[in-house]
């Protein structure tokens, strides 16, 4: 096995003494940094490479911190108006996963770069930490690389805001296999509509 394979196995055993110590030190360090900051290098190089990262010009990595748990609705003095069904303020759960939220925040803050992918690096009782792989689409090293220059096209603008990254597709329920059978037909709404529409064929 190569070195990256050993690193991959380390991360699979997060309860081992080695990983518990590493993650404890890492979360302490990340807690004192800004919510969003550029990383000098990848914390998990083997994971970053599997997701498309290359250590060359045009590729940048940003770290993002996302607060865990639900969100409180931003309403003045708790006045939500409308029907009692929509009066909830405190126990609201996010529709998307934290990783998708991290990608969105990075994409909005650094709008000149494109989000390629992201991965988990650590978490504590309050926060989850992710590293987001971002690409400079105007860089010649990216435009000349046939493996990545698909992202230069304008149809990939802000793909993280439209649920087109891996994390975005996951929270939309898109994928292959029996785990994703609730979205056959393109989306949850399409699958629900097809299954709940009574279609009676006319006999002629």
N, C-alpha and C. Protein backbone atom coordinates (compact mmCIF):
# COMPACT_ATOMS: atom_id res chain seq x y z
N UNK A 1 0.84 -1.21 0.00
CA UNK A 1 0.00 0.00 0.00
C UNK A 1 0.87 1.25 0.00
N UNK A 2 0.38 2.28 -0.70
CA UNK A 2 1.08 3.55 -0.69
C UNK A 2 0.77 4.34 0.56
N UNK A 3 1.43 5.47 0.70
CA UNK A 3 1.25 6.30 1.90
C UNK A 3 -0.18 6.81 2.02
N UNK A 4 -0.79 7.17 0.89
CA UNK A 4 -2.15 7.71 0.93
C UNK A 4 -3.15 6.67 1.42
N UNK A 5 -2.88 5.40 1.11
CA UNK A 5 -3.77 4.33 1.55
C UNK A 5 -3.73 4.20 3.08
N UNK A 6 -2.54 4.34 3.65
CA UNK A 6 -2.40 4.29 5.11
C UNK A 6 -3.13 5.47 5.76
N UNK A 7 -3.00 6.66 5.15
CA UNK A 7 -3.69 7.84 5.68
C UNK A 7 -5.21 7.66 5.62
N UNK A 8 -5.66 7.04 4.55
CA UNK A 8 -7.10 6.79 4.40
C UNK A 8 -7.60 5.85 5.50
N UNK A 9 -6.81 4.82 5.82
CA UNK A 9 -7.19 3.88 6.87
C UNK A 9 -7.20 4.55 8.24
N UNK A 10 -6.28 5.49 8.45
CA UNK A 10 -6.25 6.23 9.73
C UNK A 10 -7.57 6.95 9.96
N UNK A 11 -8.07 7.61 8.91
CA UNK A 11 -9.31 8.39 9.06
C UNK A 11 -10.54 7.50 9.21
N UNK A 12 -10.44 6.26 8.80
CA UNK A 12 -11.58 5.36 8.97
C UNK A 12 -11.72 4.90 10.42
N UNK A 13 -10.64 5.00 11.18
CA UNK A 13 -10.68 4.58 12.59
C UNK A 13 -10.57 5.83 13.47
N UNK A 14 -11.65 6.63 13.50
CA UNK A 14 -11.59 7.91 14.20
C UNK A 14 -11.56 7.76 15.72
N UNK A 15 -11.91 6.58 16.24
CA UNK A 15 -11.88 6.36 17.68
C UNK A 15 -10.54 5.83 18.17
N UNK A 16 -9.58 5.65 17.28
CA UNK A 16 -8.25 5.18 17.70
C UNK A 16 -7.55 6.28 18.49
N UNK A 17 -6.58 5.89 19.29
CA UNK A 17 -5.86 6.85 20.13
C UNK A 17 -5.18 7.93 19.29
N UNK A 18 -4.61 7.52 18.15
CA UNK A 18 -3.91 8.47 17.29
C UNK A 18 -4.87 9.54 16.77
N UNK A 19 -5.99 9.10 16.20
CA UNK A 19 -6.92 10.04 15.59
C UNK A 19 -7.61 10.91 16.64
N UNK A 20 -7.92 10.34 17.79
CA UNK A 20 -8.57 11.14 18.83
C UNK A 20 -7.66 12.27 19.28
N UNK A 21 -6.37 11.98 19.40
CA UNK A 21 -5.42 13.02 19.80
C UNK A 21 -5.27 14.08 18.70
N UNK A 22 -5.14 13.62 17.44
CA UNK A 22 -4.96 14.55 16.31
C UNK A 22 -6.17 15.47 16.18
N UNK A 23 -7.38 14.89 16.25
CA UNK A 23 -8.59 15.69 16.08
C UNK A 23 -8.79 16.65 17.25
N UNK A 24 -8.38 16.23 18.44
CA UNK A 24 -8.52 17.12 19.61
C UNK A 24 -7.63 18.35 19.46
N UNK A 25 -6.39 18.13 19.03
CA UNK A 25 -5.46 19.25 18.82
C UNK A 25 -5.92 20.12 17.65
N UNK A 26 -6.40 19.47 16.59
CA UNK A 26 -6.81 20.20 15.39
C UNK A 26 -8.01 21.10 15.67
N UNK A 27 -9.01 20.58 16.38
CA UNK A 27 -10.19 21.41 16.67
C UNK A 27 -9.84 22.58 17.57
N UNK A 28 -8.91 22.36 18.50
CA UNK A 28 -8.48 23.48 19.36
C UNK A 28 -7.85 24.57 18.51
N UNK A 29 -7.04 24.18 17.54
CA UNK A 29 -6.37 25.15 16.68
C UNK A 29 -7.38 25.86 15.77
N UNK A 30 -8.27 25.10 15.14
CA UNK A 30 -9.24 25.68 14.20
C UNK A 30 -10.22 26.61 14.89
N UNK A 31 -10.51 26.34 16.15
CA UNK A 31 -11.48 27.14 16.90
C UNK A 31 -11.01 28.59 17.04
N UNK A 32 -9.70 28.80 17.02
CA UNK A 32 -9.15 30.14 17.23
C UNK A 32 -8.88 30.89 15.93
N UNK A 33 -9.17 30.26 14.80
CA UNK A 33 -8.97 30.91 13.50
C UNK A 33 -10.28 31.51 13.02
N UNK A 34 -10.22 32.26 11.92
CA UNK A 34 -11.42 32.88 11.36
C UNK A 34 -12.40 31.82 10.85
N UNK A 35 -13.65 32.23 10.72
CA UNK A 35 -14.68 31.31 10.24
C UNK A 35 -14.34 30.77 8.86
N UNK A 36 -13.83 31.63 7.99
CA UNK A 36 -13.43 31.22 6.65
C UNK A 36 -12.03 31.78 6.39
N UNK A 37 -11.09 30.92 6.11
CA UNK A 37 -9.72 31.37 5.84
C UNK A 37 -9.06 30.41 4.85
N UNK A 38 -8.04 30.93 4.18
CA UNK A 38 -7.33 30.10 3.20
C UNK A 38 -6.34 29.18 3.91
N UNK A 39 -6.31 27.93 3.50
CA UNK A 39 -5.39 26.96 4.08
C UNK A 39 -4.10 26.94 3.26
N UNK A 40 -2.93 26.95 3.92
CA UNK A 40 -1.68 26.91 3.15
C UNK A 40 -1.52 25.62 2.36
N UNK A 41 -2.08 24.52 2.89
CA UNK A 41 -2.06 23.25 2.18
C UNK A 41 -3.19 22.37 2.72
N UNK A 42 -3.44 21.29 2.04
CA UNK A 42 -4.55 20.43 2.43
C UNK A 42 -4.25 19.69 3.73
N UNK A 43 -5.25 19.60 4.60
CA UNK A 43 -5.11 18.84 5.83
C UNK A 43 -5.18 17.35 5.55
N UNK A 44 -5.95 16.97 4.54
CA UNK A 44 -6.09 15.57 4.15
C UNK A 44 -5.75 15.44 2.66
N UNK A 45 -4.46 15.36 2.31
CA UNK A 45 -4.07 15.36 0.89
C UNK A 45 -4.63 14.18 0.11
N UNK A 46 -4.75 13.02 0.76
CA UNK A 46 -5.25 11.84 0.04
C UNK A 46 -6.73 12.00 -0.32
N UNK A 47 -7.50 12.64 0.58
CA UNK A 47 -8.92 12.88 0.31
C UNK A 47 -9.09 13.96 -0.76
N UNK A 48 -8.28 15.01 -0.66
CA UNK A 48 -8.36 16.11 -1.62
C UNK A 48 -8.06 15.62 -3.04
N UNK A 49 -7.06 14.76 -3.18
CA UNK A 49 -6.70 14.26 -4.51
C UNK A 49 -7.79 13.37 -5.09
N UNK A 50 -8.45 12.61 -4.22
CA UNK A 50 -9.54 11.76 -4.70
C UNK A 50 -10.72 12.60 -5.20
N UNK A 51 -10.86 13.81 -4.66
CA UNK A 51 -11.96 14.68 -5.05
C UNK A 51 -11.59 15.64 -6.18
N UNK A 52 -10.38 15.51 -6.73
CA UNK A 52 -10.03 16.30 -7.91
C UNK A 52 -8.98 17.36 -7.69
N UNK A 53 -8.44 17.49 -6.47
CA UNK A 53 -7.46 18.53 -6.19
C UNK A 53 -6.11 18.17 -6.80
N UNK A 54 -5.43 19.18 -7.33
CA UNK A 54 -4.06 19.01 -7.82
C UNK A 54 -3.20 20.11 -7.21
N UNK A 55 -2.01 19.74 -6.80
CA UNK A 55 -1.12 20.71 -6.16
C UNK A 55 -0.40 21.51 -7.25
N UNK A 56 -1.16 22.45 -7.86
CA UNK A 56 -0.58 23.28 -8.90
C UNK A 56 -1.33 24.61 -8.94
N UNK A 57 -0.86 25.51 -9.79
CA UNK A 57 -1.47 26.83 -9.86
C UNK A 57 -2.92 26.73 -10.31
N UNK A 58 -3.75 27.62 -9.75
CA UNK A 58 -5.16 27.62 -10.10
C UNK A 58 -6.03 26.88 -9.10
N UNK A 59 -5.43 26.06 -8.25
CA UNK A 59 -6.17 25.31 -7.23
C UNK A 59 -5.90 25.91 -5.85
N UNK A 60 -6.96 26.19 -5.10
CA UNK A 60 -6.86 26.81 -3.78
C UNK A 60 -7.74 26.04 -2.82
N UNK A 61 -7.33 26.01 -1.54
CA UNK A 61 -8.14 25.34 -0.51
C UNK A 61 -8.50 26.34 0.57
N UNK A 62 -9.78 26.41 0.90
CA UNK A 62 -10.28 27.27 1.98
C UNK A 62 -10.91 26.40 3.07
N UNK A 63 -10.71 26.81 4.32
CA UNK A 63 -11.34 26.13 5.44
C UNK A 63 -12.57 26.92 5.88
N UNK A 64 -13.65 26.20 6.19
CA UNK A 64 -14.90 26.84 6.60
C UNK A 64 -15.38 26.20 7.90
N UNK A 65 -15.88 27.03 8.79
CA UNK A 65 -16.43 26.56 10.06
C UNK A 65 -17.94 26.77 10.05
N UNK A 66 -18.70 25.72 10.33
CA UNK A 66 -20.17 25.80 10.34
C UNK A 66 -20.66 25.38 11.71
N UNK A 67 -21.56 26.17 12.25
CA UNK A 67 -22.12 25.85 13.57
C UNK A 67 -23.07 24.66 13.47
N UNK A 68 -22.95 23.74 14.40
CA UNK A 68 -23.76 22.52 14.37
C UNK A 68 -25.17 22.79 14.90
N UNK A 69 -26.07 21.85 14.60
CA UNK A 69 -27.42 21.93 15.14
C UNK A 69 -28.35 22.73 14.25
N UNK A 70 -29.55 23.00 14.76
CA UNK A 70 -30.56 23.73 14.01
C UNK A 70 -30.33 25.23 14.02
N UNK A 71 -31.26 25.93 13.42
CA UNK A 71 -31.15 27.38 13.35
C UNK A 71 -32.40 28.03 13.95
N UNK A 72 -32.24 29.22 14.50
CA UNK A 72 -33.37 29.97 15.01
C UNK A 72 -33.84 30.92 13.91
N UNK A 73 -35.14 30.96 13.67
CA UNK A 73 -35.67 31.83 12.63
C UNK A 73 -35.49 33.29 13.01
N UNK A 74 -35.05 34.09 12.05
CA UNK A 74 -34.79 35.50 12.31
C UNK A 74 -36.08 36.30 12.17
N UNK A 75 -36.81 36.39 13.27
CA UNK A 75 -38.05 37.17 13.28
C UNK A 75 -38.05 38.08 14.50
N UNK A 76 -38.52 39.31 14.33
CA UNK A 76 -38.50 40.28 15.42
C UNK A 76 -39.47 39.86 16.52
N UNK A 77 -38.96 39.68 17.73
CA UNK A 77 -39.77 39.36 18.92
C UNK A 77 -40.62 38.09 18.74
N UNK A 78 -40.20 37.22 17.84
CA UNK A 78 -40.92 35.97 17.64
C UNK A 78 -42.22 36.10 16.88
N UNK A 79 -42.45 37.25 16.23
CA UNK A 79 -43.71 37.47 15.49
C UNK A 79 -43.58 36.87 14.09
N UNK A 80 -44.20 35.72 13.89
CA UNK A 80 -44.09 35.05 12.59
C UNK A 80 -45.30 35.29 11.70
N UNK A 81 -46.45 35.64 12.30
CA UNK A 81 -47.69 35.88 11.55
C UNK A 81 -48.13 34.60 10.82
N UNK A 82 -49.23 34.69 10.12
CA UNK A 82 -49.71 33.53 9.38
C UNK A 82 -50.39 32.51 10.26
N UNK A 83 -50.40 31.29 9.79
CA UNK A 83 -51.12 30.21 10.47
C UNK A 83 -50.23 29.56 11.54
N UNK A 84 -50.84 28.94 12.55
CA UNK A 84 -50.05 28.30 13.62
C UNK A 84 -49.08 27.25 13.11
N UNK A 85 -49.40 26.66 11.98
CA UNK A 85 -48.53 25.63 11.41
C UNK A 85 -47.12 26.17 11.13
N UNK A 86 -47.03 27.46 10.81
CA UNK A 86 -45.74 28.05 10.44
C UNK A 86 -45.21 28.99 11.53
N UNK A 87 -45.60 28.76 12.78
CA UNK A 87 -45.17 29.64 13.86
C UNK A 87 -43.84 29.23 14.47
N UNK A 88 -43.23 28.17 13.99
CA UNK A 88 -42.00 27.67 14.61
C UNK A 88 -40.86 28.67 14.53
N UNK A 89 -40.10 28.79 15.61
CA UNK A 89 -38.95 29.70 15.66
C UNK A 89 -37.68 28.95 16.04
N UNK A 90 -37.76 28.08 17.04
CA UNK A 90 -36.55 27.49 17.63
C UNK A 90 -36.14 26.14 17.05
N UNK A 91 -37.07 25.24 16.88
CA UNK A 91 -36.72 23.86 16.54
C UNK A 91 -36.66 23.62 15.03
N UNK A 92 -36.15 24.59 14.28
CA UNK A 92 -36.09 24.45 12.82
C UNK A 92 -34.82 23.71 12.42
N UNK A 93 -34.96 22.71 11.57
CA UNK A 93 -33.82 21.92 11.11
C UNK A 93 -33.45 22.34 9.69
N UNK A 94 -32.17 22.45 9.38
CA UNK A 94 -31.79 22.83 8.01
C UNK A 94 -32.13 21.72 7.02
N UNK A 95 -32.62 22.11 5.86
CA UNK A 95 -32.95 21.13 4.81
C UNK A 95 -31.68 20.52 4.23
N UNK A 96 -30.64 21.34 4.12
CA UNK A 96 -29.39 20.87 3.52
C UNK A 96 -28.43 20.39 4.59
N UNK A 97 -27.39 19.68 4.18
CA UNK A 97 -26.38 19.24 5.14
C UNK A 97 -25.36 20.35 5.38
N UNK A 98 -24.61 20.22 6.46
CA UNK A 98 -23.64 21.25 6.84
C UNK A 98 -22.56 21.44 5.78
N UNK A 99 -22.19 20.36 5.11
CA UNK A 99 -21.14 20.45 4.09
C UNK A 99 -21.58 21.33 2.93
N UNK A 100 -22.82 21.20 2.52
CA UNK A 100 -23.35 22.03 1.45
C UNK A 100 -23.41 23.50 1.87
N UNK A 101 -23.75 23.74 3.13
CA UNK A 101 -23.78 25.11 3.66
C UNK A 101 -22.38 25.71 3.66
N UNK A 102 -21.37 24.90 4.02
CA UNK A 102 -19.98 25.37 4.02
C UNK A 102 -19.54 25.75 2.61
N UNK A 103 -19.90 24.92 1.62
CA UNK A 103 -19.56 25.22 0.23
C UNK A 103 -20.21 26.52 -0.24
N UNK A 104 -21.46 26.72 0.15
CA UNK A 104 -22.17 27.94 -0.26
C UNK A 104 -21.50 29.18 0.32
N UNK A 105 -21.11 29.12 1.59
CA UNK A 105 -20.49 30.29 2.23
C UNK A 105 -19.15 30.61 1.59
N UNK A 106 -18.38 29.58 1.26
CA UNK A 106 -17.10 29.82 0.59
C UNK A 106 -17.33 30.40 -0.81
N UNK A 107 -18.29 29.86 -1.54
CA UNK A 107 -18.56 30.33 -2.89
C UNK A 107 -19.06 31.76 -2.94
N UNK A 108 -19.85 32.16 -1.93
CA UNK A 108 -20.35 33.53 -1.89
C UNK A 108 -19.25 34.51 -1.49
N UNK A 109 -18.41 34.11 -0.53
CA UNK A 109 -17.37 35.01 -0.05
C UNK A 109 -16.29 35.22 -1.10
N UNK A 110 -15.87 34.15 -1.76
CA UNK A 110 -14.83 34.25 -2.79
C UNK A 110 -15.51 33.97 -4.13
N UNK A 111 -16.24 34.94 -4.63
CA UNK A 111 -17.09 34.73 -5.80
C UNK A 111 -16.29 34.57 -7.09
N UNK A 112 -15.02 34.99 -7.10
CA UNK A 112 -14.23 34.88 -8.32
C UNK A 112 -13.70 33.47 -8.54
N UNK A 113 -13.80 32.61 -7.52
CA UNK A 113 -13.35 31.22 -7.64
C UNK A 113 -14.56 30.29 -7.70
N UNK A 114 -14.36 29.12 -8.29
CA UNK A 114 -15.43 28.13 -8.41
C UNK A 114 -15.20 26.99 -7.43
N UNK A 115 -16.28 26.50 -6.83
CA UNK A 115 -16.20 25.39 -5.89
C UNK A 115 -16.17 24.08 -6.67
N UNK A 116 -15.14 23.28 -6.44
CA UNK A 116 -15.05 21.96 -7.07
C UNK A 116 -15.66 20.90 -6.18
N UNK A 117 -15.20 20.85 -4.92
CA UNK A 117 -15.67 19.83 -3.99
C UNK A 117 -15.27 20.22 -2.58
N UNK A 118 -15.63 19.41 -1.61
CA UNK A 118 -15.26 19.69 -0.22
C UNK A 118 -15.23 18.39 0.56
N UNK A 119 -14.63 18.45 1.75
CA UNK A 119 -14.54 17.26 2.60
C UNK A 119 -14.41 17.67 4.06
N UNK A 120 -14.81 16.77 4.93
CA UNK A 120 -14.80 16.98 6.38
C UNK A 120 -13.37 16.86 6.90
N UNK A 121 -13.01 17.73 7.86
CA UNK A 121 -11.68 17.59 8.47
C UNK A 121 -11.75 17.39 9.98
N UNK A 122 -12.76 17.98 10.65
CA UNK A 122 -12.85 17.83 12.10
C UNK A 122 -14.20 18.35 12.58
N UNK A 123 -14.52 18.03 13.82
CA UNK A 123 -15.72 18.58 14.45
C UNK A 123 -15.57 18.49 15.96
N UNK A 124 -16.21 19.43 16.65
CA UNK A 124 -16.27 19.38 18.11
C UNK A 124 -17.74 19.53 18.51
N UNK A 125 -17.98 19.88 19.76
CA UNK A 125 -19.36 19.94 20.24
C UNK A 125 -20.16 21.07 19.60
N UNK A 126 -19.47 22.11 19.12
CA UNK A 126 -20.16 23.30 18.62
C UNK A 126 -20.07 23.47 17.11
N UNK A 127 -18.96 23.08 16.51
CA UNK A 127 -18.72 23.37 15.09
C UNK A 127 -18.35 22.12 14.31
N UNK A 128 -18.56 22.22 12.99
CA UNK A 128 -18.00 21.27 12.04
C UNK A 128 -17.08 22.04 11.11
N UNK A 129 -15.96 21.43 10.76
CA UNK A 129 -14.95 22.11 9.95
C UNK A 129 -14.79 21.36 8.62
N UNK A 130 -14.79 22.12 7.54
CA UNK A 130 -14.65 21.54 6.20
C UNK A 130 -13.56 22.28 5.44
N UNK A 131 -12.97 21.58 4.49
CA UNK A 131 -12.05 22.21 3.54
C UNK A 131 -12.70 22.17 2.16
N UNK A 132 -12.74 23.32 1.51
CA UNK A 132 -13.41 23.46 0.21
C UNK A 132 -12.35 23.67 -0.87
N UNK A 133 -12.38 22.82 -1.90
CA UNK A 133 -11.45 22.95 -3.02
C UNK A 133 -12.03 23.95 -4.00
N UNK A 134 -11.28 25.02 -4.26
CA UNK A 134 -11.76 26.08 -5.16
C UNK A 134 -10.78 26.26 -6.32
N UNK A 135 -11.32 26.67 -7.45
CA UNK A 135 -10.54 26.73 -8.69
C UNK A 135 -10.67 28.11 -9.32
N UNK A 136 -9.53 28.64 -9.78
CA UNK A 136 -9.52 29.90 -10.52
C UNK A 136 -9.73 29.58 -12.00
N UNK A 137 -10.93 29.86 -12.49
CA UNK A 137 -11.26 29.47 -13.86
C UNK A 137 -10.55 30.32 -14.91
N UNK A 138 -10.02 31.46 -14.50
CA UNK A 138 -9.33 32.33 -15.46
C UNK A 138 -7.86 31.95 -15.62
N UNK A 139 -7.36 31.04 -14.79
CA UNK A 139 -5.93 30.69 -14.82
C UNK A 139 -5.64 29.78 -16.02
N UNK A 140 -4.52 30.04 -16.67
CA UNK A 140 -4.17 29.26 -17.87
C UNK A 140 -3.90 27.80 -17.53
N UNK A 141 -3.36 27.55 -16.34
CA UNK A 141 -3.08 26.16 -15.95
C UNK A 141 -4.36 25.34 -15.84
N UNK A 142 -5.46 26.00 -15.50
CA UNK A 142 -6.76 25.32 -15.43
C UNK A 142 -7.36 25.19 -16.82
N UNK A 143 -7.29 26.24 -17.61
CA UNK A 143 -7.91 26.23 -18.94
C UNK A 143 -7.23 25.24 -19.88
N UNK A 144 -5.94 24.97 -19.66
CA UNK A 144 -5.20 24.07 -20.54
C UNK A 144 -5.23 22.61 -20.07
N UNK A 145 -5.81 22.38 -18.91
CA UNK A 145 -5.86 21.02 -18.36
C UNK A 145 -7.15 20.34 -18.81
N UNK A 146 -7.08 19.34 -19.68
CA UNK A 146 -8.32 18.70 -20.18
C UNK A 146 -9.11 17.96 -19.11
N UNK A 147 -8.47 17.67 -17.98
CA UNK A 147 -9.17 16.94 -16.92
C UNK A 147 -10.09 17.84 -16.10
N UNK A 148 -9.82 19.17 -16.12
CA UNK A 148 -10.58 20.07 -15.24
C UNK A 148 -11.18 21.26 -15.98
N UNK A 149 -10.82 21.47 -17.26
CA UNK A 149 -11.29 22.69 -17.92
C UNK A 149 -12.79 22.67 -18.25
N UNK A 150 -13.50 21.59 -17.90
CA UNK A 150 -14.96 21.60 -18.04
C UNK A 150 -15.60 22.64 -17.14
N UNK A 151 -14.92 22.97 -16.02
CA UNK A 151 -15.51 23.90 -15.05
C UNK A 151 -15.45 25.34 -15.54
N UNK A 152 -14.70 25.60 -16.63
CA UNK A 152 -14.59 26.96 -17.17
C UNK A 152 -15.91 27.41 -17.79
N UNK A 153 -16.71 26.47 -18.26
CA UNK A 153 -17.98 26.81 -18.92
C UNK A 153 -18.90 27.58 -17.99
N UNK A 154 -19.63 28.55 -18.56
CA UNK A 154 -20.49 29.41 -17.75
C UNK A 154 -21.66 28.66 -17.13
N UNK A 155 -22.00 27.49 -17.66
CA UNK A 155 -23.12 26.74 -17.07
C UNK A 155 -22.76 26.15 -15.71
N UNK A 156 -21.47 26.21 -15.35
CA UNK A 156 -21.04 25.73 -14.03
C UNK A 156 -20.85 26.88 -13.04
N UNK A 157 -21.34 28.08 -13.39
CA UNK A 157 -21.26 29.20 -12.45
C UNK A 157 -22.01 28.87 -11.17
N UNK A 158 -21.36 29.07 -10.03
CA UNK A 158 -21.97 28.87 -8.71
C UNK A 158 -22.74 27.54 -8.64
N UNK A 159 -22.06 26.47 -8.97
CA UNK A 159 -22.70 25.15 -8.93
C UNK A 159 -23.05 24.76 -7.50
N UNK A 160 -22.32 25.33 -6.51
CA UNK A 160 -22.61 25.01 -5.11
C UNK A 160 -23.94 25.58 -4.65
N UNK A 161 -24.41 26.67 -5.31
CA UNK A 161 -25.68 27.27 -4.93
C UNK A 161 -26.87 26.53 -5.54
N UNK A 162 -26.61 25.66 -6.50
CA UNK A 162 -27.68 24.96 -7.20
C UNK A 162 -27.70 23.46 -6.90
N UNK A 163 -26.95 23.06 -5.87
CA UNK A 163 -26.96 21.65 -5.47
C UNK A 163 -26.32 20.73 -6.47
N UNK A 164 -25.25 21.19 -7.16
CA UNK A 164 -24.62 20.37 -8.20
C UNK A 164 -23.31 19.75 -7.75
N UNK A 165 -22.83 20.09 -6.55
CA UNK A 165 -21.63 19.43 -6.03
C UNK A 165 -22.03 18.09 -5.42
N UNK A 166 -21.04 17.31 -4.98
CA UNK A 166 -21.33 16.00 -4.39
C UNK A 166 -22.21 16.13 -3.15
N UNK A 167 -21.87 17.10 -2.29
CA UNK A 167 -22.66 17.32 -1.07
C UNK A 167 -24.06 17.80 -1.41
N UNK A 168 -24.17 18.63 -2.46
CA UNK A 168 -25.48 19.13 -2.87
C UNK A 168 -26.38 18.03 -3.40
N UNK A 169 -25.80 17.13 -4.21
CA UNK A 169 -26.59 16.02 -4.75
C UNK A 169 -27.01 15.06 -3.64
N UNK A 170 -26.16 14.94 -2.64
CA UNK A 170 -26.48 14.03 -1.54
C UNK A 170 -27.70 14.52 -0.76
N UNK A 171 -27.75 15.81 -0.44
CA UNK A 171 -28.90 16.31 0.33
C UNK A 171 -30.16 16.40 -0.53
N UNK A 172 -30.00 16.40 -1.85
CA UNK A 172 -31.16 16.36 -2.74
C UNK A 172 -31.69 14.94 -2.92
N UNK A 173 -30.92 13.96 -2.42
CA UNK A 173 -31.35 12.57 -2.52
C UNK A 173 -31.04 11.93 -3.85
N UNK A 174 -30.09 12.51 -4.61
CA UNK A 174 -29.75 11.99 -5.93
C UNK A 174 -28.58 11.03 -5.85
N UNK A 175 -28.68 9.92 -6.53
CA UNK A 175 -27.60 8.94 -6.53
C UNK A 175 -28.08 7.63 -7.14
N UNK A 176 -27.24 6.61 -7.04
CA UNK A 176 -27.58 5.30 -7.60
C UNK A 176 -27.78 4.30 -6.47
N UNK A 177 -28.65 3.34 -6.70
CA UNK A 177 -28.86 2.29 -5.72
C UNK A 177 -30.16 2.44 -4.96
N UNK A 178 -30.44 1.45 -4.10
CA UNK A 178 -31.72 1.43 -3.39
C UNK A 178 -31.85 2.56 -2.38
N UNK A 179 -30.74 3.13 -1.93
CA UNK A 179 -30.81 4.22 -0.96
C UNK A 179 -31.42 5.49 -1.57
N UNK A 180 -31.36 5.58 -2.89
CA UNK A 180 -31.80 6.80 -3.56
C UNK A 180 -33.06 6.57 -4.39
N UNK A 181 -33.89 5.58 -3.99
CA UNK A 181 -35.07 5.28 -4.79
C UNK A 181 -36.20 6.26 -4.57
N UNK A 182 -36.01 7.26 -3.68
CA UNK A 182 -37.05 8.27 -3.47
C UNK A 182 -36.97 9.40 -4.49
N UNK A 183 -35.95 9.35 -5.35
CA UNK A 183 -35.78 10.45 -6.31
C UNK A 183 -35.72 9.93 -7.75
N UNK A 184 -36.31 8.77 -8.00
CA UNK A 184 -36.34 8.26 -9.37
C UNK A 184 -37.22 9.19 -10.21
N UNK A 185 -36.63 9.74 -11.25
CA UNK A 185 -37.36 10.69 -12.08
C UNK A 185 -36.77 12.09 -12.00
N UNK A 186 -35.67 12.26 -11.24
CA UNK A 186 -34.97 13.54 -11.23
C UNK A 186 -34.97 14.27 -9.92
N UNK A 187 -36.03 14.12 -9.10
CA UNK A 187 -36.08 14.84 -7.84
C UNK A 187 -37.10 14.18 -6.92
N UNK A 188 -37.11 14.60 -5.65
CA UNK A 188 -38.11 14.08 -4.72
C UNK A 188 -39.52 14.47 -5.16
N UNK A 189 -39.65 15.71 -5.63
CA UNK A 189 -40.97 16.20 -6.06
C UNK A 189 -41.49 15.40 -7.25
N UNK A 190 -40.60 15.11 -8.22
CA UNK A 190 -41.02 14.37 -9.40
C UNK A 190 -41.43 12.95 -9.04
N UNK A 191 -40.65 12.31 -8.15
CA UNK A 191 -40.96 10.94 -7.74
C UNK A 191 -42.28 10.90 -6.97
N UNK A 192 -42.48 11.87 -6.07
CA UNK A 192 -43.72 11.91 -5.29
C UNK A 192 -44.93 12.12 -6.19
N UNK A 193 -44.78 13.04 -7.14
CA UNK A 193 -45.91 13.36 -8.02
C UNK A 193 -46.31 12.16 -8.86
N UNK A 194 -45.33 11.43 -9.37
CA UNK A 194 -45.63 10.28 -10.20
C UNK A 194 -46.31 9.18 -9.39
N UNK A 195 -45.86 8.97 -8.15
CA UNK A 195 -46.42 7.90 -7.33
C UNK A 195 -47.79 8.25 -6.76
N UNK A 196 -48.11 9.53 -6.72
CA UNK A 196 -49.37 9.95 -6.13
C UNK A 196 -50.38 10.46 -7.15
N UNK A 197 -50.09 10.25 -8.41
CA UNK A 197 -51.02 10.64 -9.46
C UNK A 197 -51.74 9.41 -9.99
N UNK A 198 -53.04 9.42 -9.90
CA UNK A 198 -53.83 8.30 -10.40
C UNK A 198 -53.99 8.43 -11.91
N UNK A 199 -53.53 7.44 -12.63
CA UNK A 199 -53.60 7.47 -14.09
C UNK A 199 -54.47 6.32 -14.56
N UNK A 200 -55.62 6.63 -15.11
CA UNK A 200 -56.54 5.61 -15.62
C UNK A 200 -56.54 5.65 -17.14
N UNK A 201 -56.13 4.55 -17.74
CA UNK A 201 -56.05 4.49 -19.20
C UNK A 201 -57.43 4.31 -19.81
N UNK A 202 -57.72 5.06 -20.83
CA UNK A 202 -59.02 4.93 -21.52
C UNK A 202 -58.98 3.74 -22.47
N UNK A 203 -60.04 2.95 -22.44
CA UNK A 203 -60.15 1.84 -23.38
C UNK A 203 -60.93 2.29 -24.61
N UNK A 204 -60.36 2.09 -25.74
CA UNK A 204 -60.98 2.55 -26.98
C UNK A 204 -61.39 1.35 -27.84
